[in-house]
PDB file of all heavy atoms in Angstrom:
ATOM      1  N   ILE A   1       7.543  11.837  51.431  1.00  0.00           N
ATOM      2  CA  ILE A   1       8.374  12.829  50.749  1.00  0.00           C
ATOM      3  C   ILE A   1       7.480  13.713  49.899  1.00  0.00           C
ATOM      4  O   ILE A   1       6.542  13.237  49.263  1.00  0.00           O
ATOM      5  CB  ILE A   1       9.443  12.155  49.862  1.00  0.00           C
ATOM      6  CG1 ILE A   1      10.373  11.278  50.708  1.00  0.00           C
ATOM      7  CG2 ILE A   1      10.252  13.196  49.085  1.00  0.00           C
ATOM      8  CD1 ILE A   1      11.293  10.385  49.879  1.00  0.00           C
ATOM      9  N   CYS A   2       7.802  14.999  49.861  1.00  0.00           N
ATOM     10  CA  CYS A   2       7.037  15.927  49.028  1.00  0.00           C
ATOM     11  C   CYS A   2       8.002  16.897  48.347  1.00  0.00           C
ATOM     12  O   CYS A   2       8.860  17.487  49.010  1.00  0.00           O
ATOM     13  CB  CYS A   2       6.031  16.702  49.882  1.00  0.00           C
ATOM     14  SG  CYS A   2       5.003  17.837  48.943  1.00  0.00           S
ATOM     15  N   SER A   3       7.863  17.037  47.033  1.00  0.00           N
ATOM     16  CA  SER A   3       8.605  18.084  46.316  1.00  0.00           C
ATOM     17  C   SER A   3       7.564  19.006  45.679  1.00  0.00           C
ATOM     18  O   SER A   3       6.842  19.684  46.403  1.00  0.00           O
ATOM     19  CB  SER A   3       9.593  17.479  45.309  1.00  0.00           C
ATOM     20  OG  SER A   3       8.964  16.522  44.473  1.00  0.00           O
ATOM     21  N   ASN A   4       7.433  19.011  44.352  1.00  0.00           N
ATOM     22  CA  ASN A   4       6.481  19.948  43.742  1.00  0.00           C
ATOM     23  C   ASN A   4       5.574  19.295  42.709  1.00  0.00           C
ATOM     24  O   ASN A   4       5.246  19.900  41.681  1.00  0.00           O
ATOM     25  CB  ASN A   4       7.221  21.142  43.125  1.00  0.00           C
ATOM     26  CG  ASN A   4       7.952  21.957  44.168  1.00  0.00           C
ATOM     27  OD1 ASN A   4       9.173  21.882  44.278  1.00  0.00           O
ATOM     28  ND2 ASN A   4       7.221  22.728  44.962  1.00  0.00           N
ATOM     29  N   HIS A   5       5.186  18.054  42.998  1.00  0.00           N
ATOM     30  CA  HIS A   5       4.171  17.404  42.159  1.00  0.00           C
ATOM     31  C   HIS A   5       3.225  16.612  43.059  1.00  0.00           C
ATOM     32  O   HIS A   5       3.562  16.253  44.187  1.00  0.00           O
ATOM     33  CB  HIS A   5       4.808  16.496  41.106  1.00  0.00           C
ATOM     34  CG  HIS A   5       5.638  15.371  41.675  1.00  0.00           C
ATOM     35  ND1 HIS A   5       6.977  15.496  41.948  1.00  0.00           N
ATOM     36  CD2 HIS A   5       5.309  14.094  42.018  1.00  0.00           C
ATOM     37  CE1 HIS A   5       7.441  14.353  42.437  1.00  0.00           C
ATOM     38  NE2 HIS A   5       6.449  13.486  42.490  1.00  0.00           N
ATOM     39  N   PHE A   6       2.030  16.364  42.540  1.00  0.00           N
ATOM     40  CA  PHE A   6       1.018  15.630  43.295  1.00  0.00           C
ATOM     41  C   PHE A   6       1.265  14.127  43.192  1.00  0.00           C
ATOM     42  O   PHE A   6       1.789  13.625  42.200  1.00  0.00           O
ATOM     43  CB  PHE A   6      -0.370  15.953  42.765  1.00  0.00           C
ATOM     44  CG  PHE A   6      -0.854  17.344  43.102  1.00  0.00           C
ATOM     45  CD1 PHE A   6      -1.601  18.081  42.200  1.00  0.00           C
ATOM     46  CD2 PHE A   6      -0.577  17.914  44.329  1.00  0.00           C
ATOM     47  CE1 PHE A   6      -2.053  19.351  42.507  1.00  0.00           C
ATOM     48  CE2 PHE A   6      -1.028  19.178  44.655  1.00  0.00           C
ATOM     49  CZ  PHE A   6      -1.767  19.905  43.738  1.00  0.00           C
ATOM     50  N   GLN A   7       0.807  13.391  44.226  1.00  0.00           N
ATOM     51  CA  GLN A   7       1.033  11.946  44.262  1.00  0.00           C
ATOM     52  C   GLN A   7      -0.248  11.133  44.457  1.00  0.00           C
ATOM     53  O   GLN A   7      -0.233   9.912  44.311  1.00  0.00           O
ATOM     54  CB  GLN A   7       2.013  11.624  45.402  1.00  0.00           C
ATOM     55  CG  GLN A   7       3.357  12.340  45.260  1.00  0.00           C
ATOM     56  CD  GLN A   7       4.274  12.093  46.443  1.00  0.00           C
ATOM     57  OE1 GLN A   7       4.638  10.949  46.728  1.00  0.00           O
ATOM     58  NE2 GLN A   7       4.652  13.154  47.150  1.00  0.00           N
ATOM     59  N   SER A   8      -1.354  11.784  44.790  1.00  0.00           N
ATOM     60  CA  SER A   8      -2.593  11.045  45.067  1.00  0.00           C
ATOM     61  C   SER A   8      -3.243  10.548  43.780  1.00  0.00           C
ATOM     62  O   SER A   8      -2.975  11.064  42.683  1.00  0.00           O
ATOM     63  CB  SER A   8      -3.577  11.931  45.836  1.00  0.00           C
ATOM     64  OG  SER A   8      -3.960  13.047  45.045  1.00  0.00           O
ATOM     65  N   GLU A   9      -4.110   9.554  43.922  1.00  0.00           N
ATOM     66  CA  GLU A   9      -4.805   8.980  42.764  1.00  0.00           C
ATOM     67  C   GLU A   9      -5.616  10.024  42.016  1.00  0.00           C
ATOM     68  O   GLU A   9      -5.746   9.967  40.789  1.00  0.00           O
ATOM     69  CB  GLU A   9      -5.733   7.840  43.219  1.00  0.00           C
ATOM     70  CG  GLU A   9      -5.012   6.563  43.591  1.00  0.00           C
ATOM     71  CD  GLU A   9      -5.985   5.434  43.912  1.00  0.00           C
ATOM     72  OE1 GLU A   9      -7.178   5.571  43.533  1.00  0.00           O
ATOM     73  OE2 GLU A   9      -5.553   4.438  44.515  1.00  0.00           O
ATOM     74  N   GLU A  10      -6.167  10.971  42.751  1.00  0.00           N
ATOM     75  CA  GLU A  10      -7.036  11.983  42.139  1.00  0.00           C
ATOM     76  C   GLU A  10      -6.311  12.816  41.084  1.00  0.00           C
ATOM     77  O   GLU A  10      -6.947  13.412  40.203  1.00  0.00           O
ATOM     78  CB  GLU A  10      -7.609  12.922  43.219  1.00  0.00           C
ATOM     79  CG  GLU A  10      -8.678  12.290  44.090  1.00  0.00           C
ATOM     80  CD  GLU A  10      -8.110  11.429  45.214  1.00  0.00           C
ATOM     81  OE1 GLU A  10      -6.876  11.275  45.294  1.00  0.00           O
ATOM     82  OE2 GLU A  10      -8.920  10.920  46.014  1.00  0.00           O
ATOM     83  N   PHE A  11      -4.978  12.863  41.156  1.00  0.00           N
ATOM     84  CA  PHE A  11      -4.212  13.686  40.204  1.00  0.00           C
ATOM     85  C   PHE A  11      -3.362  12.848  39.254  1.00  0.00           C
ATOM     86  O   PHE A  11      -2.519  13.401  38.544  1.00  0.00           O
ATOM     87  CB  PHE A  11      -3.321  14.673  40.972  1.00  0.00           C
ATOM     88  CG  PHE A  11      -4.080  15.784  41.641  1.00  0.00           C
ATOM     89  CD1 PHE A  11      -4.507  15.660  42.953  1.00  0.00           C
ATOM     90  CD2 PHE A  11      -4.388  16.951  40.957  1.00  0.00           C
ATOM     91  CE1 PHE A  11      -5.214  16.678  43.582  1.00  0.00           C
ATOM     92  CE2 PHE A  11      -5.093  17.979  41.569  1.00  0.00           C
ATOM     93  CZ  PHE A  11      -5.513  17.843  42.879  1.00  0.00           C
ATOM     94  N   GLN A  12      -3.577  11.547  39.221  1.00  0.00           N
ATOM     95  CA  GLN A  12      -2.752  10.691  38.367  1.00  0.00           C
ATOM     96  C   GLN A  12      -2.879  11.037  36.884  1.00  0.00           C
ATOM     97  O   GLN A  12      -1.937  10.873  36.106  1.00  0.00           O
ATOM     98  CB  GLN A  12      -3.113   9.218  38.593  1.00  0.00           C
ATOM     99  CG  GLN A  12      -2.675   8.679  39.940  1.00  0.00           C
ATOM    100  CD  GLN A  12      -1.192   8.854  40.196  1.00  0.00           C
ATOM    101  OE1 GLN A  12      -0.358   8.406  39.418  1.00  0.00           O
ATOM    102  NE2 GLN A  12      -0.860   9.529  41.291  1.00  0.00           N
ATOM    103  N   ASP A  13      -4.048  11.509  36.476  1.00  0.00           N
ATOM    104  CA  ASP A  13      -4.269  11.834  35.057  1.00  0.00           C
ATOM    105  C   ASP A  13      -4.230  13.336  34.799  1.00  0.00           C
ATOM    106  O   ASP A  13      -4.640  13.796  33.726  1.00  0.00           O
ATOM    107  CB  ASP A  13      -5.624  11.265  34.596  1.00  0.00           C
ATOM    108  CG  ASP A  13      -5.676   9.748  34.706  1.00  0.00           C
ATOM    109  OD1 ASP A  13      -4.637   9.102  34.440  1.00  0.00           O
ATOM    110  OD2 ASP A  13      -6.742   9.209  35.077  1.00  0.00           O
ATOM    111  N   ASP A  14      -3.742  14.094  35.776  1.00  0.00           N
ATOM    112  CA  ASP A  14      -3.688  15.548  35.623  1.00  0.00           C
ATOM    113  C   ASP A  14      -2.541  15.914  34.672  1.00  0.00           C
ATOM    114  O   ASP A  14      -1.374  15.597  34.925  1.00  0.00           O
ATOM    115  CB  ASP A  14      -3.477  16.195  36.990  1.00  0.00           C
ATOM    116  CG  ASP A  14      -3.544  17.708  36.927  1.00  0.00           C
ATOM    117  OD1 ASP A  14      -2.514  18.336  36.592  1.00  0.00           O
ATOM    118  OD2 ASP A  14      -4.616  18.249  37.216  1.00  0.00           O
ATOM    119  N   LYS A  15      -2.880  16.616  33.586  1.00  0.00           N
ATOM    120  CA  LYS A  15      -1.889  16.912  32.548  1.00  0.00           C
ATOM    121  C   LYS A  15      -0.766  17.797  33.067  1.00  0.00           C
ATOM    122  O   LYS A  15       0.413  17.537  32.811  1.00  0.00           O
ATOM    123  CB  LYS A  15      -2.597  17.580  31.360  1.00  0.00           C
ATOM    124  CG  LYS A  15      -1.673  17.875  30.183  1.00  0.00           C
ATOM    125  CD  LYS A  15      -2.426  18.562  29.052  1.00  0.00           C
ATOM    126  CE  LYS A  15      -1.472  18.917  27.916  1.00  0.00           C
ATOM    127  NZ  LYS A  15      -2.157  19.644  26.822  1.00  0.00           N
ATOM    128  N   ARG A  16      -1.121  18.833  33.800  1.00  0.00           N
ATOM    129  CA  ARG A  16      -0.091  19.749  34.301  1.00  0.00           C
ATOM    130  C   ARG A  16       0.834  19.054  35.291  1.00  0.00           C
ATOM    131  O   ARG A  16       2.040  19.303  35.317  1.00  0.00           O
ATOM    132  CB  ARG A  16      -0.747  20.971  34.959  1.00  0.00           C
ATOM    133  CG  ARG A  16      -1.296  21.963  33.965  1.00  0.00           C
ATOM    134  CD  ARG A  16      -1.783  23.239  34.647  1.00  0.00           C
ATOM    135  NE  ARG A  16      -2.310  24.158  33.647  1.00  0.00           N
ATOM    136  CZ  ARG A  16      -3.527  24.086  33.135  1.00  0.00           C
ATOM    137  NH1 ARG A  16      -4.345  23.138  33.552  1.00  0.00           N
ATOM    138  NH2 ARG A  16      -3.932  24.931  32.219  1.00  0.00           N
ATOM    139  N   ASN A  17       0.273  18.185  36.097  1.00  0.00           N
ATOM    140  CA  ASN A  17       1.089  17.457  37.059  1.00  0.00           C
ATOM    141  C   ASN A  17       2.071  16.541  36.334  1.00  0.00           C
ATOM    142  O   ASN A  17       3.252  16.454  36.704  1.00  0.00           O
ATOM    143  CB  ASN A  17       0.185  16.645  37.990  1.00  0.00           C
ATOM    144  CG  ASN A  17       0.921  16.099  39.194  1.00  0.00           C
ATOM    145  OD1 ASN A  17       1.614  16.826  39.901  1.00  0.00           O
ATOM    146  ND2 ASN A  17       0.790  14.803  39.428  1.00  0.00           N
ATOM    147  N   SER A  18       1.605  15.874  35.292  1.00  0.00           N
ATOM    148  CA  SER A  18       2.476  14.993  34.496  1.00  0.00           C
ATOM    149  C   SER A  18       3.581  15.795  33.822  1.00  0.00           C
ATOM    150  O   SER A  18       4.731  15.339  33.740  1.00  0.00           O
ATOM    151  CB  SER A  18       1.646  14.250  33.442  1.00  0.00           C
ATOM    152  OG  SER A  18       0.657  13.442  34.057  1.00  0.00           O
ATOM    153  N   GLU A  19       3.245  16.975  33.347  1.00  0.00           N
ATOM    154  CA  GLU A  19       4.250  17.844  32.720  1.00  0.00           C
ATOM    155  C   GLU A  19       5.311  18.260  33.734  1.00  0.00           C
ATOM    156  O   GLU A  19       6.507  18.297  33.413  1.00  0.00           O
ATOM    157  CB  GLU A  19       3.583  19.092  32.137  1.00  0.00           C
ATOM    158  CG  GLU A  19       2.797  18.837  30.863  1.00  0.00           C
ATOM    159  CD  GLU A  19       2.047  20.079  30.396  1.00  0.00           C
ATOM    160  OE1 GLU A  19       2.074  21.103  31.114  1.00  0.00           O
ATOM    161  OE2 GLU A  19       1.429  20.025  29.311  1.00  0.00           O
ATOM    162  N   ALA A  20       4.872  18.574  34.943  1.00  0.00           N
ATOM    163  CA  ALA A  20       5.822  18.982  35.982  1.00  0.00           C
ATOM    164  C   ALA A  20       6.807  17.861  36.287  1.00  0.00           C
ATOM    165  O   ALA A  20       8.017  18.092  36.424  1.00  0.00           O
ATOM    166  CB  ALA A  20       5.070  19.389  37.244  1.00  0.00           C
ATOM    167  N   ILE A  21       6.308  16.644  36.391  1.00  0.00           N
ATOM    168  CA  ILE A  21       7.166  15.493  36.682  1.00  0.00           C
ATOM    169  C   ILE A  21       8.182  15.282  35.566  1.00  0.00           C
ATOM    170  O   ILE A  21       9.370  15.029  35.817  1.00  0.00           O
ATOM    171  CB  ILE A  21       6.312  14.222  36.893  1.00  0.00           C
ATOM    172  CG1 ILE A  21       5.474  14.370  38.168  1.00  0.00           C
ATOM    173  CG2 ILE A  21       7.186  12.983  36.955  1.00  0.00           C
ATOM    174  CD1 ILE A  21       4.422  13.283  38.339  1.00  0.00           C
ATOM    175  N   LEU A  22       7.740  15.421  34.311  1.00  0.00           N
ATOM    176  CA  LEU A  22       8.597  15.159  33.151  1.00  0.00           C
ATOM    177  C   LEU A  22       9.590  16.297  32.896  1.00  0.00           C
ATOM    178  O   LEU A  22      10.758  16.054  32.614  1.00  0.00           O
ATOM    179  CB  LEU A  22       7.726  14.949  31.911  1.00  0.00           C
ATOM    180  CG  LEU A  22       8.477  14.718  30.585  1.00  0.00           C
ATOM    181  CD1 LEU A  22       9.252  13.406  30.641  1.00  0.00           C
ATOM    182  CD2 LEU A  22       7.502  14.724  29.410  1.00  0.00           C
ATOM    183  N   GLU A  23       9.119  17.536  33.002  1.00  0.00           N
ATOM    184  CA  GLU A  23       9.892  18.670  32.487  1.00  0.00           C
ATOM    185  C   GLU A  23      10.650  19.459  33.551  1.00  0.00           C
ATOM    186  O   GLU A  23      11.614  20.154  33.229  1.00  0.00           O
ATOM    187  CB  GLU A  23       8.958  19.633  31.733  1.00  0.00           C
ATOM    188  CG  GLU A  23       8.304  18.987  30.503  1.00  0.00           C
ATOM    189  CD  GLU A  23       7.307  19.920  29.839  1.00  0.00           C
ATOM    190  OE1 GLU A  23       7.177  21.084  30.292  1.00  0.00           O
ATOM    191  OE2 GLU A  23       6.663  19.486  28.864  1.00  0.00           O
ATOM    192  N   SER A  24      10.224  19.402  34.809  1.00  0.00           N
ATOM    193  CA  SER A  24      10.855  20.241  35.838  1.00  0.00           C
ATOM    194  C   SER A  24      11.843  19.418  36.661  1.00  0.00           C
ATOM    195  O   SER A  24      12.198  18.296  36.312  1.00  0.00           O
ATOM    196  CB  SER A  24       9.782  20.853  36.736  1.00  0.00           C
ATOM    197  OG  SER A  24       9.285  19.892  37.651  1.00  0.00           O
ATOM    198  N   HIS A  25      12.282  19.975  37.793  1.00  0.00           N
ATOM    199  CA  HIS A  25      13.251  19.299  38.668  1.00  0.00           C
ATOM    200  C   HIS A  25      12.585  18.641  39.871  1.00  0.00           C
ATOM    201  O   HIS A  25      13.267  18.179  40.776  1.00  0.00           O
ATOM    202  CB  HIS A  25      14.312  20.288  39.141  1.00  0.00           C
ATOM    203  CG  HIS A  25      13.754  21.637  39.506  1.00  0.00           C
ATOM    204  ND1 HIS A  25      13.098  21.883  40.683  1.00  0.00           N
ATOM    205  CD2 HIS A  25      13.743  22.806  38.818  1.00  0.00           C
ATOM    206  CE1 HIS A  25      12.717  23.154  40.723  1.00  0.00           C
ATOM    207  NE2 HIS A  25      13.091  23.737  39.602  1.00  0.00           N
ATOM    208  N   THR A  26      11.252  18.586  39.914  1.00  0.00           N
ATOM    209  CA  THR A  26      10.560  18.061  41.090  1.00  0.00           C
ATOM    210  C   THR A  26      10.834  16.574  41.317  1.00  0.00           C
ATOM    211  O   THR A  26      11.077  16.154  42.439  1.00  0.00           O
ATOM    212  CB  THR A  26       9.044  18.343  41.019  1.00  0.00           C
ATOM    213  OG1 THR A  26       8.408  17.783  42.172  1.00  0.00           O
ATOM    214  CG2 THR A  26       8.390  17.766  39.769  1.00  0.00           C
ATOM    215  N   GLN A  27      10.805  15.760  40.237  1.00  0.00           N
ATOM    216  CA  GLN A  27      11.039  14.325  40.392  1.00  0.00           C
ATOM    217  C   GLN A  27      12.480  14.047  40.821  1.00  0.00           C
ATOM    218  O   GLN A  27      12.735  13.155  41.641  1.00  0.00           O
ATOM    219  CB  GLN A  27      10.732  13.587  39.090  1.00  0.00           C
ATOM    220  CG  GLN A  27      10.816  12.060  39.205  1.00  0.00           C
ATOM    221  CD  GLN A  27       9.752  11.470  40.125  1.00  0.00           C
ATOM    222  OE1 GLN A  27       8.573  11.776  39.977  1.00  0.00           O
ATOM    223  NE2 GLN A  27      10.158  10.619  41.058  1.00  0.00           N
ATOM    224  N   TYR A  28      13.409  14.831  40.285  1.00  0.00           N
ATOM    225  CA  TYR A  28      14.821  14.662  40.635  1.00  0.00           C
ATOM    226  C   TYR A  28      15.021  14.888  42.132  1.00  0.00           C
ATOM    227  O   TYR A  28      15.685  14.100  42.815  1.00  0.00           O
ATOM    228  CB  TYR A  28      15.677  15.629  39.817  1.00  0.00           C
ATOM    229  CG  TYR A  28      17.165  15.393  39.927  1.00  0.00           C
ATOM    230  CD1 TYR A  28      17.841  14.659  38.955  1.00  0.00           C
ATOM    231  CD2 TYR A  28      17.906  15.905  40.996  1.00  0.00           C
ATOM    232  CE1 TYR A  28      19.218  14.446  39.036  1.00  0.00           C
ATOM    233  CE2 TYR A  28      19.280  15.689  41.093  1.00  0.00           C
ATOM    234  CZ  TYR A  28      19.932  14.958  40.111  1.00  0.00           C
ATOM    235  OH  TYR A  28      21.287  14.743  40.208  1.00  0.00           O
ATOM    236  N   ARG A  29      14.454  15.985  42.671  1.00  0.00           N
ATOM    237  CA  ARG A  29      14.599  16.261  44.098  1.00  0.00           C
ATOM    238  C   ARG A  29      13.883  15.216  44.947  1.00  0.00           C
ATOM    239  O   ARG A  29      14.354  14.850  46.030  1.00  0.00           O
ATOM    240  CB  ARG A  29      14.084  17.668  44.424  1.00  0.00           C
ATOM    241  CG  ARG A  29      15.079  18.765  44.079  1.00  0.00           C
ATOM    242  CD  ARG A  29      14.575  20.147  44.445  1.00  0.00           C
ATOM    243  NE  ARG A  29      13.468  20.559  43.604  1.00  0.00           N
ATOM    244  CZ  ARG A  29      12.205  20.609  43.973  1.00  0.00           C
ATOM    245  NH1 ARG A  29      11.863  20.276  45.207  1.00  0.00           N
ATOM    246  NH2 ARG A  29      11.266  21.000  43.141  1.00  0.00           N
ATOM    247  N   TYR A  30      12.742  14.734  44.465  1.00  0.00           N
ATOM    248  CA  TYR A  30      12.034  13.654  45.170  1.00  0.00           C
ATOM    249  C   TYR A  30      12.944  12.424  45.282  1.00  0.00           C
ATOM    250  O   TYR A  30      13.090  11.831  46.368  1.00  0.00           O
ATOM    251  CB  TYR A  30      10.740  13.305  44.424  1.00  0.00           C
ATOM    252  CG  TYR A  30       9.938  12.204  45.059  1.00  0.00           C
ATOM    253  CD1 TYR A  30       8.895  12.486  45.936  1.00  0.00           C
ATOM    254  CD2 TYR A  30      10.226  10.861  44.806  1.00  0.00           C
ATOM    255  CE1 TYR A  30       8.159  11.468  46.526  1.00  0.00           C
ATOM    256  CE2 TYR A  30       9.507   9.843  45.401  1.00  0.00           C
ATOM    257  CZ  TYR A  30       8.465  10.150  46.259  1.00  0.00           C
ATOM    258  OH  TYR A  30       7.745   9.132  46.844  1.00  0.00           O
ATOM    259  N   ASP A  31      13.556  12.062  44.158  1.00  0.00           N
ATOM    260  CA  ASP A  31      14.425  10.874  44.138  1.00  0.00           C
ATOM    261  C   ASP A  31      15.662  11.087  45.013  1.00  0.00           C
ATOM    262  O   ASP A  31      16.130  10.164  45.688  1.00  0.00           O
ATOM    263  CB  ASP A  31      14.847  10.555  42.700  1.00  0.00           C
ATOM    264  CG  ASP A  31      13.683  10.089  41.834  1.00  0.00           C
ATOM    265  OD1 ASP A  31      12.660   9.656  42.400  1.00  0.00           O
ATOM    266  OD2 ASP A  31      13.789  10.181  40.592  1.00  0.00           O
ATOM    267  N   ARG A  32      16.189  12.309  44.999  1.00  0.00           N
ATOM    268  CA  ARG A  32      17.362  12.589  45.829  1.00  0.00           C
ATOM    269  C   ARG A  32      17.008  12.517  47.311  1.00  0.00           C
ATOM    270  O   ARG A  32      17.784  11.972  48.118  1.00  0.00           O
ATOM    271  CB  ARG A  32      17.922  13.983  45.485  1.00  0.00           C
ATOM    272  CG  ARG A  32      19.102  14.413  46.347  1.00  0.00           C
ATOM    273  CD  ARG A  32      20.271  13.439  46.282  1.00  0.00           C
ATOM    274  NE  ARG A  32      21.421  13.914  47.052  1.00  0.00           N
ATOM    275  CZ  ARG A  32      22.414  13.139  47.471  1.00  0.00           C
ATOM    276  NH1 ARG A  32      22.419  11.828  47.202  1.00  0.00           N
ATOM    277  NH2 ARG A  32      23.434  13.652  48.147  1.00  0.00           N
ATOM    278  N   MET A  33      15.836  13.038  47.671  1.00  0.00           N
ATOM    279  CA  MET A  33      15.409  12.948  49.076  1.00  0.00           C
ATOM    280  C   MET A  33      15.230  11.487  49.484  1.00  0.00           C
ATOM    281  O   MET A  33      15.621  11.087  50.598  1.00  0.00           O
ATOM    282  CB  MET A  33      14.115  13.726  49.288  1.00  0.00           C
ATOM    283  CG  MET A  33      13.582  13.687  50.720  1.00  0.00           C
ATOM    284  SD  MET A  33      14.717  14.384  51.943  1.00  0.00           S
ATOM    285  CE  MET A  33      14.424  16.144  51.698  1.00  0.00           C
ATOM    286  N   LYS A  34      14.663  10.702  48.604  1.00  0.00           N
ATOM    287  CA  LYS A  34      14.472   9.271  48.880  1.00  0.00           C
ATOM    288  C   LYS A  34      15.826   8.600  49.121  1.00  0.00           C
ATOM    289  O   LYS A  34      15.981   7.775  50.039  1.00  0.00           O
ATOM    290  CB  LYS A  34      13.746   8.611  47.706  1.00  0.00           C
ATOM    291  CG  LYS A  34      13.218   7.229  47.973  1.00  0.00           C
ATOM    292  CD  LYS A  34      12.354   6.751  46.805  1.00  0.00           C
ATOM    293  CE  LYS A  34      11.743   5.395  47.099  1.00  0.00           C
ATOM    294  NZ  LYS A  34      10.884   4.928  45.964  1.00  0.00           N
ATOM    295  N   GLU A  35      16.807   8.964  48.316  1.00  0.00           N
ATOM    296  CA  GLU A  35      18.161   8.437  48.436  1.00  0.00           C
ATOM    297  C   GLU A  35      18.785   8.837  49.784  1.00  0.00           C
ATOM    298  O   GLU A  35      19.381   8.004  50.478  1.00  0.00           O
ATOM    299  CB  GLU A  35      18.986   9.013  47.280  1.00  0.00           C
ATOM    300  CG  GLU A  35      20.309   8.369  47.010  1.00  0.00           C
ATOM    301  CD  GLU A  35      20.937   8.972  45.752  1.00  0.00           C
ATOM    302  OE1 GLU A  35      21.542  10.062  45.853  1.00  0.00           O
ATOM    303  OE2 GLU A  35      20.824   8.364  44.678  1.00  0.00           O
ATOM    304  N   LEU A  36      18.613  10.097  50.167  1.00  0.00           N
ATOM    305  CA  LEU A  36      19.189  10.583  51.423  1.00  0.00           C
ATOM    306  C   LEU A  36      18.528   9.935  52.639  1.00  0.00           C
ATOM    307  O   LEU A  36      19.205   9.616  53.623  1.00  0.00           O
ATOM    308  CB  LEU A  36      19.053  12.108  51.505  1.00  0.00           C
ATOM    309  CG  LEU A  36      19.960  12.900  50.563  1.00  0.00           C
ATOM    310  CD1 LEU A  36      19.543  14.370  50.531  1.00  0.00           C
ATOM    311  CD2 LEU A  36      21.422  12.773  50.976  1.00  0.00           C
TER     312      LEU A  36
END
């Protein structure tokens, strides 16, 4: 599944990526796709 945040180990500590997961709708759509 892919929405709008990175998932690889290389980006686990990326500040902007963490902000996107927390503040935007990318994680929500990821979870909804997983559900579907």
